[in-house]
């Protein structure tokens, strides 16, 4: 019986050990979201496609002085399937504690632990038909992703499931 159960616990031990050896910046990471690591397009073959983070951006709402992070996901054949691929992995939109829009300085700032970090600059953008805001990251804040093996205890057994987790971090 131990031989059957042992392989399920090996990744957990590896994750715990890796977590203990993580660099100090890992403590300042904020987990934003977890998404399924695979997507099955409705068009084309029935093969699952691996999901990864494509990009991230900051959005601001000037009236409320709020800011959020928007994360877009992709899969390898997304360009080939296009709209026929189905819903595709939906973007994550997250408001994080400490992340806000400073209208006075026109910046997106993250405040935590008595520190203030400028994550993005905001400027007015005019086109022929409308006025909008252009938000440009400074590089001081980043969103990263990695494949994480999670464990869930249902009261009887422990099951494992992978997710693509995204994290906000101040550099």
Protein backbone atom coordinates (compact mmCIF):
# COMPACT_ATOMS: atom_id res chain seq x y z
CA UNK A 1 0.00 0.00 0.00
CA UNK A 2 2.82 2.43 0.81
CA UNK A 3 4.28 1.90 -2.66
CA UNK A 4 0.96 2.91 -4.20
CA UNK A 5 0.60 6.03 -2.03
CA UNK A 6 4.23 7.18 -2.12
CA UNK A 7 4.26 8.71 -5.64
CA UNK A 8 1.41 11.03 -4.70
CA UNK A 9 3.38 12.56 -1.85
CA UNK A 10 6.76 12.99 -3.57
CA UNK A 11 5.73 16.21 -5.43
CA UNK A 12 4.39 17.66 -2.17
CA UNK A 13 7.72 17.11 -0.45
CA UNK A 14 9.54 18.68 -3.42
CA UNK A 15 7.23 21.72 -3.35
CA UNK A 16 7.75 22.20 0.39
CA UNK A 17 11.52 21.91 0.07
CA UNK A 18 11.57 24.27 -2.94
CA UNK A 19 9.39 26.72 -1.03
CA UNK A 20 11.82 26.74 1.90
CA UNK A 21 14.72 27.51 -0.43
CA UNK A 22 12.90 30.29 -2.28
CA UNK A 23 14.64 33.66 -2.55
CA UNK A 24 13.58 36.50 -0.27
CA UNK A 25 11.56 38.28 -2.99
CA UNK A 26 9.19 35.30 -3.07
CA UNK A 27 7.79 36.44 0.28
CA UNK A 28 6.52 39.66 -1.33
CA UNK A 29 4.63 37.85 -4.09
CA UNK A 30 0.85 38.05 -4.14
CA UNK A 31 -0.97 35.20 -5.85
CA UNK A 32 -3.50 36.72 -8.24
CA UNK A 33 -5.20 33.74 -9.84
CA UNK A 34 -5.07 30.09 -10.78
CA UNK A 35 -6.28 28.85 -14.15
CA UNK A 36 -6.49 25.41 -15.72
CA UNK A 37 -3.22 24.37 -17.37
CA UNK A 38 -4.99 22.99 -20.43
CA UNK A 39 -7.68 24.22 -22.81
CA UNK A 40 -9.68 22.14 -25.29
CA UNK A 41 -10.71 24.25 -28.31
CA UNK A 42 -14.17 23.45 -29.68
CA UNK A 43 -12.84 23.50 -33.24
CA UNK A 44 -10.10 21.25 -34.49
CA UNK A 45 -8.69 18.13 -32.85
CA UNK A 46 -9.82 17.00 -29.41
CA UNK A 47 -6.29 17.36 -28.07
CA UNK A 48 -5.79 19.64 -25.06
CA UNK A 49 -3.66 22.74 -25.58
CA UNK A 50 -1.28 23.96 -22.82
CA UNK A 51 -2.25 27.34 -21.37
CA UNK A 52 0.28 30.04 -20.54
CA UNK A 53 0.23 33.69 -19.57
CA UNK A 54 0.46 35.82 -22.70
CA UNK A 55 0.73 39.31 -21.20
CA UNK A 56 -0.39 41.60 -18.43
CA UNK A 57 -1.33 45.24 -18.19
CA UNK A 58 -2.59 47.79 -15.70
CA UNK A 59 -5.94 49.53 -16.03
CA UNK A 60 -7.11 52.62 -14.15
CA UNK A 61 -10.46 54.15 -13.29
CA UNK A 62 -9.83 57.89 -12.72
CA UNK A 63 -13.15 58.64 -10.99
CA UNK A 64 -12.66 56.04 -8.26
CA UNK A 65 -8.84 56.19 -8.29
CA UNK A 66 -8.73 52.44 -8.63
CA UNK A 67 -6.23 50.34 -10.51
CA UNK A 68 -6.22 46.69 -11.48
CA UNK A 69 -4.09 44.10 -13.20
CA UNK A 70 -5.38 42.39 -16.35
CA UNK A 71 -3.79 39.09 -17.33
CA UNK A 72 -4.29 37.55 -20.77
CA UNK A 73 -3.75 33.85 -21.45
CA UNK A 74 -3.01 31.98 -24.65
CA UNK A 75 -2.47 28.50 -26.03
CA UNK A 76 -0.23 27.42 -28.94
CA UNK A 77 -2.88 27.07 -31.65
CA UNK A 78 -5.03 30.04 -30.62
CA UNK A 79 -4.19 31.98 -33.80
CA UNK A 80 -5.18 29.01 -35.97
CA UNK A 81 -8.51 28.39 -34.18
CA UNK A 82 -9.41 32.06 -33.73
CA UNK A 83 -13.03 32.69 -32.77
CA UNK A 84 -13.95 29.11 -33.74
CA UNK A 85 -11.79 27.84 -30.91
CA UNK A 86 -14.49 28.54 -28.35
CA UNK A 87 -14.37 30.69 -25.25
CA UNK A 88 -10.60 30.28 -24.81
CA UNK A 89 -9.00 31.00 -21.46
CA UNK A 90 -10.67 34.16 -20.19
CA UNK A 91 -8.56 37.11 -18.95
CA UNK A 92 -8.15 37.63 -15.23
CA UNK A 93 -8.96 41.11 -13.90
CA UNK A 94 -7.79 41.62 -10.32
CA UNK A 95 -7.84 44.53 -7.92
CA UNK A 96 -5.05 44.03 -5.41
CA UNK A 97 -4.89 45.52 -1.92
CA UNK A 98 -2.38 48.38 -2.05
CA UNK A 99 -2.59 48.89 -5.81
CA UNK A 100 -4.22 52.21 -6.72
CA UNK A 101 -4.29 55.06 -9.19
CA UNK A 102 -2.69 58.29 -8.00
CA UNK A 103 -4.45 60.94 -10.10
CA UNK A 104 -2.18 63.73 -8.86
CA UNK A 105 1.01 62.15 -10.16
CA UNK A 106 -0.80 60.16 -12.90
CA UNK A 107 0.76 56.88 -11.79
CA UNK A 108 -0.31 53.41 -10.73
CA UNK A 109 1.27 52.81 -7.33
CA UNK A 110 1.57 49.84 -5.02
CA UNK A 111 1.83 50.64 -1.32
CA UNK A 112 2.75 47.99 1.23
CA UNK A 113 4.97 47.80 4.28
CA UNK A 114 5.53 51.55 4.30
CA UNK A 115 6.98 51.46 0.77
CA UNK A 116 5.50 53.10 -2.31
CA UNK A 117 6.39 51.68 -5.73
CA UNK A 118 5.37 53.24 -9.04
CA UNK A 119 4.18 50.36 -11.22
CA UNK A 120 3.00 52.36 -14.25
CA UNK A 121 2.69 55.87 -15.63
CA UNK A 122 -0.56 57.19 -17.04
CA UNK A 123 -0.97 59.80 -19.76
CA UNK A 124 -3.83 61.17 -21.80
CA UNK A 125 -4.24 59.63 -25.22
CA UNK A 126 -6.33 61.28 -27.90
CA UNK A 127 -7.53 59.70 -31.09
CA UNK A 128 -9.89 61.01 -33.75
CA UNK A 129 -12.97 59.66 -32.06
CA UNK A 130 -12.30 59.60 -28.34
CA UNK A 131 -10.08 60.40 -25.42
CA UNK A 132 -8.56 57.64 -23.31
CA UNK A 133 -5.69 56.92 -20.97
CA UNK A 134 -2.47 55.18 -21.95
CA UNK A 135 -1.00 53.14 -19.10
CA UNK A 136 2.66 52.19 -19.47
CA UNK A 137 4.42 49.84 -16.99
CA UNK A 138 7.64 51.08 -15.39
CA UNK A 139 9.10 47.62 -14.81
CA UNK A 140 9.16 48.09 -11.03
CA UNK A 141 6.18 45.72 -10.69
CA UNK A 142 5.69 42.51 -12.62
CA UNK A 143 3.25 39.66 -13.06
CA UNK A 144 4.78 36.22 -13.42
CA UNK A 145 3.31 32.78 -13.90
CA UNK A 146 4.34 29.23 -13.24
CA UNK A 147 2.86 25.76 -13.23
CA UNK A 148 2.01 24.78 -9.64
CA UNK A 149 0.96 21.38 -8.32
CA UNK A 150 -1.83 21.85 -5.77
CA UNK A 151 -3.12 19.28 -3.33
CA UNK A 152 -6.67 18.92 -2.04
CA UNK A 153 -7.85 16.78 0.86
CA UNK A 154 -11.44 15.61 0.47
CA UNK A 155 -11.53 14.11 3.96
CA UNK A 156 -10.54 10.67 2.79
CA UNK A 157 -7.75 11.00 0.25
CA UNK A 158 -5.48 13.65 -1.16
CA UNK A 159 -5.63 14.47 -4.84
CA UNK A 160 -3.24 16.53 -6.90
CA UNK A 161 -4.10 18.94 -9.66
CA UNK A 162 -1.91 21.35 -11.61
CA UNK A 163 -2.78 25.00 -12.28
CA UNK A 164 -1.09 27.95 -13.94
CA UNK A 165 -0.74 30.42 -11.06
CA UNK A 166 -0.05 34.10 -11.61
CA UNK A 167 1.75 36.31 -9.10
CA UNK A 168 2.20 40.05 -8.63
CA UNK A 169 5.63 41.07 -7.37
CA UNK A 170 7.54 44.26 -6.73
CA UNK A 171 11.09 44.17 -8.05
